[in-house]
C-alpha atoms as a PDB file:
ATOM      1  CA  MET A   1     126.108 251.024 167.592  1.00  0.00           C
ATOM      2  CA  ASP A   2     127.011 247.994 165.513  1.00  0.00           C
ATOM      3  CA  ILE A   3     127.923 248.830 161.916  1.00  0.00           C
ATOM      4  CA  GLU A   4     127.927 246.514 158.923  1.00  0.00           C
ATOM      5  CA  VAL A   5     128.965 247.348 155.380  1.00  0.00           C
ATOM      6  CA  GLY A   6     127.638 245.040 152.677  1.00  0.00           C
ATOM      7  CA  ASP A   7     129.588 246.482 149.742  1.00  0.00           C
ATOM      8  CA  ASN A   8     133.189 245.178 149.736  1.00  0.00           C
ATOM      9  CA  LYS A   9     134.688 248.266 148.064  1.00  0.00           C
ATOM     10  CA  LEU A  10     132.967 250.609 150.484  1.00  0.00           C
ATOM     11  CA  ARG A  11     134.004 248.431 153.446  1.00  0.00           C
ATOM     12  CA  ALA A  12     137.633 248.599 152.297  1.00  0.00           C
ATOM     13  CA  ALA A  13     137.404 252.395 152.055  1.00  0.00           C
ATOM     14  CA  LEU A  14     135.844 252.705 155.514  1.00  0.00           C
ATOM     15  CA  GLU A  15     138.462 250.416 157.070  1.00  0.00           C
ATOM     16  CA  ASP A  16     141.547 251.977 155.441  1.00  0.00           C
ATOM     17  CA  ASP A  17     142.064 255.752 155.188  1.00  0.00           C
ATOM     18  CA  SER A  18     144.460 255.442 152.236  1.00  0.00           C
ATOM     19  CA  VAL A  19     141.828 253.501 150.255  1.00  0.00           C
ATOM     20  CA  CYS A  20     139.201 256.033 151.322  1.00  0.00           C
ATOM     21  CA  GLN A  21     141.383 258.938 150.181  1.00  0.00           C
ATOM     22  CA  ARG A  22     141.912 257.357 146.764  1.00  0.00           C
ATOM     23  CA  ARG A  23     138.173 256.872 146.363  1.00  0.00           C
ATOM     24  CA  PHE A  24     136.769 260.041 147.960  1.00  0.00           C
ATOM     25  CA  GLY A  25     139.672 262.462 148.432  1.00  0.00           C
ATOM     26  CA  LYS A  26     141.482 263.658 151.548  1.00  0.00           C
ATOM     27  CA  GLU A  27     138.909 266.152 152.826  1.00  0.00           C
ATOM     28  CA  MET A  28     135.958 263.791 152.319  1.00  0.00           C
ATOM     29  CA  THR A  29     137.877 261.040 154.121  1.00  0.00           C
ATOM     30  CA  LYS A  30     138.149 263.275 157.184  1.00  0.00           C
ATOM     31  CA  TYR A  31     134.389 263.862 157.278  1.00  0.00           C
ATOM     32  CA  ILE A  32     133.543 260.245 156.513  1.00  0.00           C
ATOM     33  CA  ARG A  33     135.762 259.116 159.389  1.00  0.00           C
ATOM     34  CA  LEU A  34     134.068 261.607 161.763  1.00  0.00           C
ATOM     35  CA  ARG A  35     130.587 260.381 160.824  1.00  0.00           C
ATOM     36  CA  VAL A  36     131.404 256.665 160.968  1.00  0.00           C
ATOM     37  CA  ASP A  37     133.186 257.110 164.313  1.00  0.00           C
ATOM     38  CA  ALA A  38     130.180 259.038 165.689  1.00  0.00           C
ATOM     39  CA  LEU A  39     127.799 256.289 164.560  1.00  0.00           C
ATOM     40  CA  ALA A  40     130.035 253.575 166.042  1.00  0.00           C
ATOM     41  CA  ALA A  41     130.268 255.413 169.381  1.00  0.00           C
ATOM     42  CA  ALA A  42     126.493 255.838 169.689  1.00  0.00           C
ATOM     43  CA  ALA A  43     124.501 253.465 171.873  1.00  0.00           C
ATOM     44  CA  SER A  44     121.547 253.821 169.509  1.00  0.00           C
ATOM     45  CA  LEU A  45     120.334 256.099 166.751  1.00  0.00           C
ATOM     46  CA  HIS A  46     118.601 258.127 169.463  1.00  0.00           C
ATOM     47  CA  ASP A  47     121.996 259.656 170.308  1.00  0.00           C
ATOM     48  CA  PHE A  48     121.423 261.789 167.196  1.00  0.00           C
ATOM     49  CA  TRP A  49     117.971 263.023 168.247  1.00  0.00           C
ATOM     50  CA  PRO A  50     116.461 265.436 167.223  1.00  0.00           C
ATOM     51  CA  PRO A  51     116.542 264.759 163.501  1.00  0.00           C
ATOM     52  CA  LYS A  52     118.448 267.189 161.304  1.00  0.00           C
ATOM     53  CA  SER A  53     120.453 268.660 164.188  1.00  0.00           C
ATOM     54  CA  LYS A  54     124.004 269.652 163.342  1.00  0.00           C
ATOM     55  CA  PRO A  55     126.655 268.540 162.669  1.00  0.00           C
ATOM     56  CA  GLU A  56     125.444 265.105 161.522  1.00  0.00           C
ATOM     57  CA  ARG A  57     121.869 266.007 160.489  1.00  0.00           C
ATOM     58  CA  VAL A  58     120.667 262.406 160.710  1.00  0.00           C
ATOM     59  CA  HIS A  59     117.212 261.960 159.228  1.00  0.00           C
ATOM     60  CA  GLU A  60     115.071 259.342 157.602  1.00  0.00           C
ATOM     61  CA  LEU A  61     114.446 259.700 153.896  1.00  0.00           C
ATOM     62  CA  VAL A  62     110.978 259.582 152.366  1.00  0.00           C
ATOM     63  CA  GLY A  63     109.368 258.359 149.177  1.00  0.00           C
ATOM     64  CA  ASP A  64     111.248 255.651 147.283  1.00  0.00           C
ATOM     65  CA  MET A  65     113.992 255.714 149.921  1.00  0.00           C
ATOM     66  CA  ALA A  66     111.731 255.405 152.988  1.00  0.00           C
ATOM     67  CA  GLY A  67     113.421 253.344 155.682  1.00  0.00           C
ATOM     68  CA  THR A  68     116.862 254.615 154.686  1.00  0.00           C
ATOM     69  CA  PHE A  69     118.618 257.166 156.880  1.00  0.00           C
ATOM     70  CA  SER A  70     120.951 259.929 155.733  1.00  0.00           C
ATOM     71  CA  VAL A  71     123.900 261.569 157.502  1.00  0.00           C
ATOM     72  CA  ASP A  72     125.615 264.681 156.167  1.00  0.00           C
ATOM     73  CA  VAL A  73     129.217 264.082 155.194  1.00  0.00           C
ATOM     74  CA  LYS A  74     130.337 267.116 153.185  1.00  0.00           C
ATOM     75  CA  GLN A  75     127.914 269.057 151.032  1.00  0.00           C
ATOM     76  CA  PRO A  76     126.385 267.609 148.860  1.00  0.00           C
ATOM     77  CA  TYR A  77     127.387 264.080 149.952  1.00  0.00           C
ATOM     78  CA  ARG A  78     125.485 261.890 152.391  1.00  0.00           C
ATOM     79  CA  LEU A  79     126.239 258.580 154.063  1.00  0.00           C
ATOM     80  CA  LEU A  80     123.176 256.349 153.649  1.00  0.00           C
ATOM     81  CA  PHE A  81     122.316 253.491 155.977  1.00  0.00           C
ATOM     82  CA  GLU A  82     119.469 251.246 157.028  1.00  0.00           C
ATOM     83  CA  PRO A  83     118.724 249.760 160.438  1.00  0.00           C
ATOM     84  CA  THR A  84     119.453 246.044 160.715  1.00  0.00           C
ATOM     85  CA  ASN A  85     117.507 245.693 163.926  1.00  0.00           C
ATOM     86  CA  GLY A  86     114.457 247.309 165.424  1.00  0.00           C
ATOM     87  CA  PRO A  87     110.876 246.528 166.280  1.00  0.00           C
ATOM     88  CA  SER A  88     108.865 244.230 164.028  1.00  0.00           C
ATOM     89  CA  SER A  89     106.187 246.908 163.926  1.00  0.00           C
ATOM     90  CA  PRO A  90     107.431 250.481 164.311  1.00  0.00           C
ATOM     91  CA  PRO A  91     106.228 252.294 167.441  1.00  0.00           C
ATOM     92  CA  GLU A  92     104.106 255.362 166.877  1.00  0.00           C
ATOM     93  CA  ASP A  93     106.636 257.559 168.668  1.00  0.00           C
ATOM     94  CA  MET A  94     109.627 258.300 166.425  1.00  0.00           C
ATOM     95  CA  GLN A  95     111.936 258.777 169.427  1.00  0.00           C
ATOM     96  CA  ASP A  96     111.112 255.272 170.659  1.00  0.00           C
ATOM     97  CA  ARG A  97     111.925 253.898 167.216  1.00  0.00           C
ATOM     98  CA  TRP A  98     115.298 255.668 167.164  1.00  0.00           C
ATOM     99  CA  LYS A  99     116.085 254.277 170.653  1.00  0.00           C
ATOM    100  CA  MET A 100     115.545 250.734 169.379  1.00  0.00           C
ATOM    101  CA  ILE A 101     117.921 251.071 166.409  1.00  0.00           C
ATOM    102  CA  ARG A 102     121.267 249.760 167.667  1.00  0.00           C
ATOM    103  CA  SER A 103     122.627 248.178 164.499  1.00  0.00           C
ATOM    104  CA  ILE A 104     122.926 249.571 160.976  1.00  0.00           C
ATOM    105  CA  GLU A 105     124.227 248.688 157.543  1.00  0.00           C
ATOM    106  CA  ILE A 106     126.001 251.449 155.633  1.00  0.00           C
ATOM    107  CA  LEU A 107     124.780 251.272 152.044  1.00  0.00           C
ATOM    108  CA  ARG A 108     126.688 253.975 150.167  1.00  0.00           C
ATOM    109  CA  ILE A 109     127.998 257.518 150.125  1.00  0.00           C
ATOM    110  CA  GLU A 110     126.438 259.705 147.447  1.00  0.00           C
ATOM    111  CA  ASP A 111     124.846 262.991 146.461  1.00  0.00           C
ATOM    112  CA  THR A 112     121.170 262.221 147.090  1.00  0.00           C
ATOM    113  CA  HIS A 113     120.044 265.442 145.376  1.00  0.00           C
ATOM    114  CA  GLY A 114     121.938 265.085 142.113  1.00  0.00           C
END
């Protein structure tokens, strides 16, 4: 899957482990690297189907954050991203939608519950 990162500081952290460790710590860097590498290796978001299956637990958020997806990093932190491609009108079948998502933009890493 193609990955973009709009935030320059976050991009620097995702591209350089030493920067990532300074920002997030050594253990978080390990998990962040695993998740970003898994996303990059995927052909589409469908590689993470079904939603909320371990270890990544990819799922779409609801409410004010609808359209944003979440990936577990290390409790309670999540990597948040949005698709940058996909159908102009979402298909009714969620699996079909996930198959069409082949490009994402990583938005941030945060505790979405706090």
